[in-house]
Every structure is written in structure tokens, then in C-alpha cells.
């Protein structure tokens, strides 16, 4: 005797899980338009918490501040030098008041840099500090992208767990029903064994699913910390997010050339900063053609009397030193040419970076288009065909024209398609996350890293 139609529907859902991977989900493409207004808020909060705790951002910020302080130091004149001594001391008596040539002198010397070297050094240091500071923004994008991808994968696994638990309850009821019918001779032994096997397989799938979820949550603790991992128990994620900000940006971009959007990326701005630093270095090298000045002033006190018997007058001396670059072929010219080559190298590096990033964007857009087309195909054709086939086989089983294994195979194919569709939805959101990291599509508020300011030495 055949199984009742109402129970048969349960057996179709349950038996199909035997041929699916351990992590399944049965949502369809309508999830793309699902209201996820609460989910981004939770993810945004986690990203902002991670940015606050991230040590790399603090490191980059501290390094940029250190570069600015070093720039101020390098753009300051050399400390003046004091010269104290004596001259013309007779060696036969070592008396300071015996010979009028003998004097005790004190002098002050100051060296000045060539041309505008000091101000250019300050400019260069600030440009280097800006480049380091941009690493903070780049790190923020990396964290947002990595956490978003883990969030999507966790949401996929949690949906799989929900479907697995629902089917676990149905399969157990089905196994009890078949066992009762088998005891009175209304069901076959192979149907009972198959139902019992499905119960065991679902238990294993739930265990494997829980393991994957724990691993993903542990990976999130890289940014959220061990204390968060210890207290976080109920993290509800989703495998789809709202990408309106990204879509708005893409509407203002060319089909294949996305340089205007990529120009806002921190990595590209860092390349611009490197170009600016090298151009400033060219200007510094150009200052080497200017003379370098030094000033020295000395006061000499004489204790002896002069030739007239009157006390000898004290002396004042003043000198100006001038370093004139006359032979520049092997020094200044070479240094200037080297600085110009560095500008060209930095520009080529930026062009290469833009080409690579633009190629990545185009590849991701191709993936995104293909995934959307495949999802439309699943929604419009594949799933409806699979459901029609399952219904047809079910009717054949009720009319004794199909075997129970045929019902299982048809249901397995239908749920496998639903699982593949759910995987495509997740992959589409992962592609959007990578695009957001390149073109700017994440929405979060990052506070400035908190670092302690050192106490000046003279205040300690």
C-alpha cells in the first residue's frame, strides 16, 4: 500500500537532502528584494566596532603623525654652534697679559640651507605623512570587505541550518509513520530504511553546519577581539545586503573605464601622494644648484697692553662662508636626473595600478551580470520545471507507475536547484562586496584612531 499523499510530500522534502551538500538553503530569488533594513545596521555596527579596535589603523595613524613631526624637525635650521678658545698664547710663559696678540675669543656660527630646501623638506614630509594616513582608509576598506564577506557566508549557513532543522522534524515524523505502516504490512522495508537513513544524514549535516558557523564567527574575532567571541552567542546574519550606494555609483561610471571612481580609492590616492613626493624631491634636487651660506661672528678679548703701553683693544671678527656648486656634472646633475626618473617611475606605478584595478572591476561586473542572468533563469525556468517534474513523479507514484526512488530523485533535483540558486545569491552579494571595496559602496562611520600624544622632553 502506498504512502498517503500528505506524508508523501514530507518524504519528498526529506529524502532529497540525502543527495545535497552539507550546507543547503531553500530560499529563492525573491530574497534579492527582501527587506534587510535591520541587517545592514547590525553589520555596520560590527564594522565600526572592528575599526575602533583595529591596531593597524592606530599604527598607520601614529606613523603619519611621526612623519609630520619629523618633517618639522628636518625643515628647521641647524642649531647654531658656539666657538670658545684662545689664540696667540706664548708658549714660554703661557701668560694671557704678556703678548698683545694673545686673546680669549668666543664665536657663534650658523649654517643656512640652499635656496628653499627647508620649506621643500617640510612639504615633502607632509606629503609622505598624507600617503601613510591614506593607508588608514585602505585598511578600513579591507576590514569592511572581509567582514561583509564573512557575514554573507554566515548568513548562508544560518539559512541552511533553518531549512535543515525544519526538514529534520518532518523526516522524523515520516520515519515514525513509515515504521507504523511497516509494522502492519503497509510499507516496504526499503522505504523504512531510506527514511531512517535520512534522519541520520540530517543529524550529520546539522553538526557540520554548526562547525562551519563556529569557524566563521571565530574568523570575525580577528577584528572584533577575543572578548567579543566569548560573549557573542546569537549573531543573526543574512546572505544578501542592500547595495543601493554601489548601484548609484555604477550609474555614473562608463561601461569599461572606471577611472573616475577608482581615482577616489585610497590606493590610487597613495600613488598620487607618491608622485607628489617625488616631484617635491625634484625641486629639492634643483636647490642643490644654489649656493649654501654660513655666518660666523667672533669676539676676542685681549688682556695685554699694546705697543703704546695702553690696554690693547678687543677684536671683533665676522665671516661669511659660501659653498658654490661649480662642478655639477657628476653630483647635482646626476641627483636631479635621478629625481626626475623617480617621478616617471611613480607615474608608471599609478598607471599600472589603475589598469589592474579597472580590469578587476570589469571582471567583477561580468561576474555580476552572469550571476544575475543565471538567477533569472532559475526563477523563470529551472525551478518551475523542477517543481512540475516532482509533481508529475508524485502522481505517478500514487498511480503505481513510478517507484519511490524516482520520487526521491525528482525531489533531490528540485532542492539541489534551490540550493544552487541560494549559492548564486550569495556569490552575487560577494561580488558586490568586492566591487564596493574598489568603487566605494560601504557605508560606515570610522572614528579617528586614538593614540596617546608624547610629552615633550623639556616638559618631562
Protein backbone atom coordinates (compact mmCIF):
# COMPACT_ATOMS: atom_id res chain seq x y z
CA UNK A 1 0.00 0.00 0.00
CA UNK A 2 1.33 3.44 -0.92
CA UNK A 3 2.06 6.23 1.49
CA UNK A 4 -0.60 8.85 1.98
CA UNK A 5 -0.23 11.89 -0.29
CA UNK A 6 0.16 14.29 2.65
CA UNK A 7 3.00 12.23 4.05
CA UNK A 8 4.47 11.75 0.60
CA UNK A 9 5.09 15.47 0.36
CA UNK A 10 7.10 15.24 3.57
CA UNK A 11 9.11 12.32 2.23
CA UNK A 12 9.96 14.27 -0.93
CA UNK A 13 11.44 17.15 1.08
CA UNK A 14 13.25 14.88 3.48
CA UNK A 15 14.71 12.31 1.14
CA UNK A 16 16.09 14.91 -1.20
CA UNK A 17 18.59 16.08 1.40
CA UNK A 18 20.48 12.82 1.04
CA UNK A 19 21.98 13.93 -2.29
CA UNK A 20 22.68 17.58 -1.35
CA UNK A 21 25.84 19.10 0.15
CA UNK A 22 26.00 19.55 3.89
CA UNK A 23 25.09 23.24 3.79
CA UNK A 24 21.82 23.88 2.00
CA UNK A 25 19.27 26.66 1.89
CA UNK A 26 15.92 26.72 0.09
CA UNK A 27 15.26 30.42 -0.38
CA UNK A 28 14.52 31.57 -3.96
CA UNK A 29 15.47 34.71 -5.79
CA UNK A 30 12.83 36.80 -4.10
CA UNK A 31 15.39 37.16 -1.32
CA UNK A 32 17.23 39.64 -3.52
CA UNK A 33 14.39 42.08 -2.85
CA UNK A 34 13.98 41.03 0.76
CA UNK A 35 13.70 43.81 3.32
CA UNK A 36 17.05 43.73 5.08
CA UNK A 37 16.75 47.07 6.81
CA UNK A 38 17.78 45.63 10.18
CA UNK A 39 20.66 43.51 8.92
CA UNK A 40 22.91 46.28 7.49
CA UNK A 41 22.59 48.16 10.77
CA UNK A 42 23.95 45.16 12.66
CA UNK A 43 26.76 44.65 10.15
CA UNK A 44 27.56 48.37 10.13
CA UNK A 45 27.82 48.32 13.91
CA UNK A 46 30.21 45.36 13.83
CA UNK A 47 32.39 47.03 11.18
CA UNK A 48 32.57 50.26 13.16
CA UNK A 49 33.41 48.30 16.30
CA UNK A 50 36.16 46.46 14.44
CA UNK A 51 37.59 49.71 13.10
CA UNK A 52 37.68 51.17 16.58
CA UNK A 53 39.60 48.17 17.91
CA UNK A 54 41.89 47.70 14.90
CA UNK A 55 45.56 48.12 15.79
CA UNK A 56 46.73 48.53 12.20
CA UNK A 57 44.78 51.77 11.83
CA UNK A 58 46.37 53.05 15.01
CA UNK A 59 49.79 52.03 13.69
CA UNK A 60 49.34 53.86 10.38
CA UNK A 61 47.96 56.94 12.09
CA UNK A 62 50.86 57.04 14.55
CA UNK A 63 53.34 56.63 11.69
CA UNK A 64 51.77 59.53 9.79
CA UNK A 65 51.97 61.73 12.87
CA UNK A 66 55.57 60.69 13.37
CA UNK A 67 56.36 61.66 9.78
CA UNK A 68 54.81 65.11 10.28
CA UNK A 69 56.84 65.68 13.44
CA UNK A 70 60.00 64.53 11.68
CA UNK A 71 59.17 66.92 8.84
CA UNK A 72 59.08 69.86 11.20
CA UNK A 73 62.45 68.82 12.56
CA UNK A 74 64.02 68.41 9.10
CA UNK A 75 62.67 71.80 7.97
CA UNK A 76 64.38 73.65 10.82
CA UNK A 77 67.73 75.38 10.58
CA UNK A 78 70.71 73.63 12.07
CA UNK A 79 71.41 74.59 15.65
CA UNK A 80 73.99 77.40 15.91
CA UNK A 81 77.46 76.45 17.05
CA UNK A 82 79.39 78.29 19.74
CA UNK A 83 83.17 78.50 19.42
CA UNK A 84 85.20 79.31 22.56
CA UNK A 85 89.01 79.38 22.76
CA UNK A 86 92.15 81.41 22.84
CA UNK A 87 94.83 82.38 20.35
CA UNK A 88 98.38 83.78 20.26
CA UNK A 89 99.32 82.40 23.69
CA UNK A 90 103.13 82.49 24.20
CA UNK A 91 104.44 79.04 24.98
CA UNK A 92 107.38 80.26 27.07
CA UNK A 93 105.22 81.82 29.77
CA UNK A 94 101.61 80.86 28.99
CA UNK A 95 100.55 84.31 30.20
CA UNK A 96 97.47 85.95 28.72
CA UNK A 97 98.63 89.51 29.54
CA UNK A 98 102.14 89.31 28.19
CA UNK A 99 101.70 89.48 24.41
CA UNK A 100 99.15 91.80 22.75
CA UNK A 101 98.49 89.04 20.20
CA UNK A 102 97.04 86.83 22.91
CA UNK A 103 93.25 86.84 23.08
CA UNK A 104 90.35 84.89 24.51
CA UNK A 105 87.62 84.56 21.91
CA UNK A 106 84.00 83.44 21.75
CA UNK A 107 82.19 82.97 18.47
CA UNK A 108 78.79 82.00 17.03
CA UNK A 109 78.36 80.08 13.76
CA UNK A 110 75.16 79.47 11.83
CA UNK A 111 74.70 77.40 8.66
CA UNK A 112 71.87 78.07 6.18
CA UNK A 113 70.44 75.53 3.74
CA UNK A 114 70.50 76.01 -0.01
CA UNK A 115 67.65 78.03 -1.52
CA UNK A 116 64.19 76.81 -0.43
CA UNK A 117 65.40 73.42 0.73
CA UNK A 118 63.92 73.72 4.23
CA UNK A 119 60.39 74.62 3.12
CA UNK A 120 60.52 71.88 0.48
CA UNK A 121 61.62 69.37 3.11
CA UNK A 122 58.56 70.30 5.17
CA UNK A 123 56.32 69.91 2.13
CA UNK A 124 57.82 66.52 1.33
CA UNK A 125 57.34 65.27 4.89
CA UNK A 126 53.68 66.31 4.91
CA UNK A 127 53.12 64.59 1.57
CA UNK A 128 54.69 61.40 2.90
CA UNK A 129 52.53 61.67 6.03
CA UNK A 130 49.43 62.04 3.84
CA UNK A 131 50.41 58.89 1.97
CA UNK A 132 50.77 56.95 5.21
CA UNK A 133 47.47 58.33 6.50
CA UNK A 134 45.74 57.01 3.38
CA UNK A 135 46.72 53.52 4.50
CA UNK A 136 44.21 54.01 7.32
CA UNK A 137 41.40 54.41 4.76
CA UNK A 138 42.70 51.45 2.77
CA UNK A 139 42.72 49.32 5.89
CA UNK A 140 39.14 50.37 6.64
CA UNK A 141 38.00 49.15 3.22
CA UNK A 142 39.82 45.83 3.68
CA UNK A 143 38.16 45.26 7.05
CA UNK A 144 34.73 46.22 5.73
CA UNK A 145 35.09 43.91 2.73
CA UNK A 146 36.42 40.93 4.71
CA UNK A 147 33.80 41.24 7.42
CA UNK A 148 31.00 41.67 4.86
CA UNK A 149 32.05 38.50 3.04
CA UNK A 150 32.18 36.53 6.29
CA UNK A 151 28.77 37.97 7.21
CA UNK A 152 27.29 36.79 3.91
CA UNK A 153 28.77 33.31 4.28
CA UNK A 154 27.48 33.10 7.85
CA UNK A 155 24.02 34.17 6.68
CA UNK A 156 24.09 31.44 4.04
CA UNK A 157 24.96 28.81 6.62
CA UNK A 158 22.28 30.04 9.04
CA UNK A 159 19.62 29.77 6.37
CA UNK A 160 20.85 26.26 5.63
CA UNK A 161 20.56 25.41 9.33
CA UNK A 162 16.98 26.66 9.46
CA UNK A 163 15.96 24.53 6.48
CA UNK A 164 17.80 21.53 7.85
CA UNK A 165 16.02 21.76 11.20
CA UNK A 166 12.63 22.08 9.54
CA UNK A 167 13.32 19.00 7.43
CA UNK A 168 14.74 17.13 10.40
CA UNK A 169 11.41 17.47 12.20
CA UNK A 170 9.49 16.34 9.11
CA UNK A 171 11.79 13.40 8.44
CA UNK A 172 11.44 12.09 11.96
CA UNK A 173 7.67 12.23 11.71
CA UNK A 174 7.89 10.49 8.34
CA UNK A 175 10.15 7.75 9.72
CA UNK A 176 7.70 7.11 12.59
CA UNK A 177 4.79 6.98 10.11
CA UNK A 178 6.55 4.53 7.78
CA UNK A 179 7.61 2.38 10.73
CA UNK A 180 3.98 2.16 11.86
CA UNK A 181 2.82 1.21 8.34
CA UNK A 182 5.67 -1.28 8.03
CA UNK A 183 4.61 -2.97 11.26
CA UNK A 184 1.14 -3.59 9.81
CA UNK A 185 2.47 -4.52 6.39
CA UNK A 186 1.51 -1.36 4.54
CA UNK A 187 5.02 -0.11 3.75
CA UNK A 188 8.11 -1.75 2.30
CA UNK A 189 11.32 -2.32 4.24
CA UNK A 190 13.39 -0.28 1.78
CA UNK A 191 11.18 2.77 2.36
CA UNK A 192 11.65 2.45 6.11
CA UNK A 193 15.41 2.04 5.81
CA UNK A 194 15.59 5.02 3.47
CA UNK A 195 13.66 7.23 5.90
CA UNK A 196 15.87 6.17 8.82
CA UNK A 197 18.96 6.92 6.73
CA UNK A 198 17.68 10.42 6.03
CA UNK A 199 17.33 11.08 9.78
CA UNK A 200 20.95 10.11 10.37
CA UNK A 201 22.19 12.16 7.43
CA UNK A 202 20.34 15.26 8.58
CA UNK A 203 21.88 14.94 12.04
CA UNK A 204 25.33 14.84 10.43
CA UNK A 205 24.55 17.79 8.19
CA UNK A 206 23.42 19.90 11.15
CA UNK A 207 26.61 19.06 13.02
CA UNK A 208 28.77 20.01 10.03
CA UNK A 209 26.76 23.20 9.53
CA UNK A 210 27.29 24.23 13.17
CA UNK A 211 31.02 23.62 12.77
CA UNK A 212 31.21 25.94 9.77
CA UNK A 213 29.26 28.66 11.59
CA UNK A 214 31.57 28.49 14.60
CA UNK A 215 34.59 28.77 12.34
CA UNK A 216 33.18 31.86 10.58
CA UNK A 217 32.36 33.53 13.90
CA UNK A 218 35.89 32.75 15.08
CA UNK A 219 37.27 34.42 11.96
CA UNK A 220 35.27 37.54 12.78
CA UNK A 221 37.06 37.71 16.13
CA UNK A 222 40.23 38.68 14.25
CA UNK A 223 38.81 42.20 14.17
CA UNK A 224 36.26 42.12 16.99
CA UNK A 225 38.52 40.56 19.62
CA UNK A 226 38.51 37.53 21.87
CA UNK A 227 36.18 39.13 24.41
CA UNK A 228 33.53 39.61 21.71
CA UNK A 229 33.92 35.97 20.70
CA UNK A 230 33.46 34.87 24.28
CA UNK A 231 30.20 36.77 24.77
CA UNK A 232 28.71 36.63 21.26
CA UNK A 233 26.15 33.82 21.11
CA UNK A 234 23.29 34.87 18.82
CA UNK A 235 24.69 36.58 15.75
CA UNK A 236 21.97 36.65 13.10
CA UNK A 237 23.34 37.24 9.61
CA UNK A 238 21.97 37.14 6.07
CA UNK A 239 23.33 36.23 2.67
CA UNK A 240 22.00 39.33 0.92
CA UNK A 241 22.53 43.05 1.54
CA UNK A 242 21.31 46.36 0.21
CA UNK A 243 23.75 47.73 -2.40
CA UNK A 244 21.96 50.93 -3.35
CA UNK A 245 25.05 53.08 -2.74
CA UNK A 246 27.13 50.87 -5.03
CA UNK A 247 24.47 50.84 -7.74
CA UNK A 248 24.25 54.62 -7.62
CA UNK A 249 28.00 54.90 -8.19
CA UNK A 250 27.90 52.46 -11.07
CA UNK A 251 25.23 54.53 -12.79
CA UNK A 252 27.75 57.37 -13.07
CA UNK A 253 30.55 55.24 -14.48
CA UNK A 254 31.50 54.33 -18.04
CA UNK A 255 30.94 50.84 -19.37
CA UNK A 256 34.57 49.74 -19.25
CA UNK A 257 36.56 52.74 -18.00
CA UNK A 258 36.00 53.36 -14.31
CA UNK A 259 38.96 55.61 -13.65
CA UNK A 260 36.89 58.48 -12.27
CA UNK A 261 35.55 56.27 -9.47
CA UNK A 262 38.84 54.47 -8.96
CA UNK A 263 40.59 57.81 -8.50
CA UNK A 264 38.82 58.07 -5.14
CA UNK A 265 40.25 54.78 -3.91
CA UNK A 266 42.86 55.13 -1.12
CA UNK A 267 45.39 53.04 -3.05
CA UNK A 268 45.19 55.39 -6.03
CA UNK A 269 45.43 58.41 -3.74
CA UNK A 270 48.52 56.84 -2.19
CA UNK A 271 50.01 56.60 -5.68
CA UNK A 272 49.19 60.29 -6.21
CA UNK A 273 50.92 61.09 -2.92
CA UNK A 274 54.00 59.15 -4.06
CA UNK A 275 54.08 61.17 -7.28
CA UNK A 276 53.81 64.43 -5.33
CA UNK A 277 56.64 63.34 -3.01
CA UNK A 278 58.90 62.59 -5.96
CA UNK A 279 58.07 65.89 -7.65
CA UNK A 280 58.99 67.69 -4.45
CA UNK A 281 62.23 65.74 -4.41
CA UNK A 282 62.96 67.09 -7.89
CA UNK A 283 62.53 70.61 -6.52
CA UNK A 284 64.84 69.76 -3.62
CA UNK A 285 67.45 68.41 -6.03
CA UNK A 286 67.14 71.63 -8.02
CA UNK A 287 68.06 73.63 -4.91
CA UNK A 288 71.47 71.94 -4.94
CA UNK A 289 72.46 74.36 -7.71
CA UNK A 290 72.04 77.27 -5.28
CA UNK A 291 74.94 78.37 -3.05
CA UNK A 292 74.97 77.48 0.63
CA UNK A 293 75.75 80.23 3.13
CA UNK A 294 77.29 80.17 6.56
CA UNK A 295 77.85 83.06 9.00
CA UNK A 296 80.42 83.24 11.79
CA UNK A 297 80.85 86.11 14.30
CA UNK A 298 83.65 86.15 16.91
CA UNK A 299 84.61 88.44 19.77
CA UNK A 300 88.20 88.37 21.09
CA UNK A 301 89.25 89.87 24.42
CA UNK A 302 92.92 90.91 24.94
CA UNK A 303 94.42 91.37 28.41
CA UNK A 304 97.90 92.61 27.43
CA UNK A 305 98.89 96.22 26.68
CA UNK A 306 99.56 97.40 23.18
CA UNK A 307 102.79 98.84 21.77
CA UNK A 308 101.90 102.26 23.21
CA UNK A 309 101.56 100.89 26.70
CA UNK A 310 97.82 101.34 26.68
CA UNK A 311 95.46 98.36 27.09
CA UNK A 312 95.04 96.60 23.74
CA UNK A 313 91.62 96.92 22.13
CA UNK A 314 89.32 93.90 21.93
CA UNK A 315 88.67 92.44 18.50
CA UNK A 316 85.53 91.54 16.55
CA UNK A 317 85.60 89.21 13.54
CA UNK A 318 82.82 88.31 11.10
CA UNK A 319 82.97 85.75 8.30
CA UNK A 320 80.61 84.58 5.58
CA UNK A 321 81.22 81.16 4.03
CA UNK A 322 79.85 80.40 0.60
CA UNK A 323 79.58 76.93 -0.93
CA UNK A 324 79.40 77.48 -4.69
CA UNK A 325 78.44 74.47 -6.85
CA UNK A 326 80.73 74.99 -9.84
CA UNK A 327 81.28 71.40 -10.94
CA UNK A 328 77.79 69.91 -11.14
CA UNK A 329 78.20 67.23 -13.79
CA UNK A 330 78.72 64.23 -11.50
CA UNK A 331 76.78 65.38 -8.45
CA UNK A 332 73.96 67.88 -8.84
CA UNK A 333 73.14 66.91 -12.43
CA UNK A 334 73.01 63.21 -11.58
CA UNK A 335 70.92 63.74 -8.47
CA UNK A 336 68.48 65.93 -10.41
CA UNK A 337 68.16 63.35 -13.20
CA UNK A 338 67.62 60.56 -10.66
CA UNK A 339 64.80 62.52 -9.02
CA UNK A 340 63.13 63.02 -12.40
CA UNK A 341 63.36 59.30 -13.13
CA UNK A 342 61.65 58.61 -9.82
CA UNK A 343 58.73 60.81 -10.86
CA UNK A 344 58.34 58.81 -14.06
CA UNK A 345 58.52 55.55 -12.13
CA UNK A 346 55.84 56.71 -9.67
CA UNK A 347 53.57 57.80 -12.52
CA UNK A 348 54.02 54.46 -14.27
CA UNK A 349 53.23 52.69 -10.99
CA UNK A 350 49.97 54.63 -10.72
CA UNK A 351 49.04 53.84 -14.32
CA UNK A 352 49.70 50.15 -13.71
CA UNK A 353 47.64 50.20 -10.52
CA UNK A 354 44.71 51.88 -12.28
CA UNK A 355 44.86 49.38 -15.15
CA UNK A 356 44.86 46.45 -12.74
CA UNK A 357 42.01 47.83 -10.65
CA UNK A 358 39.96 48.74 -13.72
CA UNK A 359 40.42 45.19 -15.04
CA UNK A 360 39.25 43.80 -11.70
CA UNK A 361 36.16 45.99 -11.80
CA UNK A 362 35.32 44.88 -15.33
CA UNK A 363 35.81 41.22 -14.41
CA UNK A 364 33.57 41.63 -11.36
CA UNK A 365 30.92 43.36 -13.45
CA UNK A 366 30.99 40.43 -15.89
CA UNK A 367 30.55 38.03 -12.97
CA UNK A 368 27.74 40.17 -11.60
CA UNK A 369 25.92 40.24 -14.95
CA UNK A 370 26.29 36.49 -15.43
CA UNK A 371 25.08 35.75 -11.91
CA UNK A 372 22.02 37.95 -12.39
CA UNK A 373 21.21 36.22 -15.67
CA UNK A 374 21.59 32.79 -14.09
CA UNK A 375 19.37 33.80 -11.17
CA UNK A 376 16.69 35.00 -13.57
CA UNK A 377 16.92 31.66 -15.38
CA UNK A 378 16.50 29.78 -12.11
CA UNK A 379 13.48 31.86 -11.16
CA UNK A 380 11.74 31.84 -14.53
CA UNK A 381 12.53 28.36 -15.84
CA UNK A 382 14.56 25.84 -13.87
CA UNK A 383 12.70 25.87 -10.56
CA UNK A 384 9.26 25.81 -12.16
CA UNK A 385 10.31 22.89 -14.38
CA UNK A 386 11.76 21.03 -11.40
CA UNK A 387 8.54 21.52 -9.40
CA UNK A 388 6.43 20.33 -12.32
CA UNK A 389 8.59 17.22 -12.68
CA UNK A 390 8.33 16.46 -8.95
CA UNK A 391 4.56 16.77 -9.04
CA UNK A 392 4.37 14.51 -12.07
CA UNK A 393 6.51 11.81 -10.46
CA UNK A 394 4.48 12.08 -7.27
CA UNK A 395 1.26 11.48 -9.19
CA UNK A 396 2.90 8.53 -10.95
CA UNK A 397 3.91 7.05 -7.61
CA UNK A 398 0.36 7.36 -6.33
CA UNK A 399 -0.90 5.63 -9.50
CA UNK A 400 1.73 2.83 -9.22
CA UNK A 401 3.53 3.97 -12.40
CA UNK A 402 6.65 5.31 -10.61
CA UNK A 403 8.96 3.98 -7.94
CA UNK A 404 9.69 5.61 -4.60
CA UNK A 405 13.30 6.17 -5.71
CA UNK A 406 12.01 8.19 -8.67
CA UNK A 407 10.20 10.47 -6.25
CA UNK A 408 13.38 10.88 -4.20
CA UNK A 409 15.45 11.67 -7.30
CA UNK A 410 12.99 14.28 -8.56
CA UNK A 411 12.75 15.98 -5.18
CA UNK A 412 16.54 15.89 -4.79
CA UNK A 413 16.96 17.62 -8.15
CA UNK A 414 14.46 20.32 -7.19
CA UNK A 415 16.08 21.12 -3.86
CA UNK A 416 19.54 20.93 -5.43
CA UNK A 417 18.45 23.66 -7.83
CA UNK A 418 17.14 25.72 -4.94
CA UNK A 419 20.47 25.26 -3.17
CA UNK A 420 22.39 26.31 -6.29
CA UNK A 421 20.15 29.35 -6.60
CA UNK A 422 20.85 30.29 -3.00
CA UNK A 423 24.58 29.87 -3.63
CA UNK A 424 24.28 32.18 -6.64
CA UNK A 425 22.55 34.79 -4.50
CA UNK A 426 25.40 34.63 -2.00
CA UNK A 427 28.02 34.78 -4.76
CA UNK A 428 26.28 37.82 -6.26
CA UNK A 429 26.50 39.63 -2.94
CA UNK A 430 30.16 38.64 -2.57
CA UNK A 431 30.84 40.16 -5.99
CA UNK A 432 29.05 43.33 -4.92
CA UNK A 433 31.18 43.44 -1.79
CA UNK A 434 34.37 43.29 -3.86
CA UNK A 435 33.02 46.00 -6.16
CA UNK A 436 32.18 48.17 -3.17
CA UNK A 437 35.76 47.80 -1.93
CA UNK A 438 37.04 49.10 -5.27
CA UNK A 439 34.46 51.71 -6.21
CA UNK A 440 33.18 52.76 -2.81
CA UNK A 441 29.91 51.25 -1.71
CA UNK A 442 30.31 50.62 2.01
CA UNK A 443 28.54 52.85 4.47
CA UNK A 444 30.14 53.15 7.89
CA UNK A 445 31.42 55.84 10.22
CA UNK A 446 35.05 55.46 11.25
CA UNK A 447 36.36 57.47 14.18
CA UNK A 448 39.92 58.74 14.24
CA UNK A 449 42.32 56.26 15.86
CA UNK A 450 43.00 57.06 19.50
CA UNK A 451 46.71 57.31 20.23
CA UNK A 452 48.49 58.93 23.13
CA UNK A 453 50.46 62.10 22.40
CA UNK A 454 54.04 62.03 23.67
CA UNK A 455 55.21 64.53 26.25
CA UNK A 456 57.96 66.88 25.02
CA UNK A 457 61.35 66.21 26.57
CA UNK A 458 61.59 69.63 28.17
CA UNK A 459 58.28 69.07 29.96
CA UNK A 460 59.21 65.74 31.48
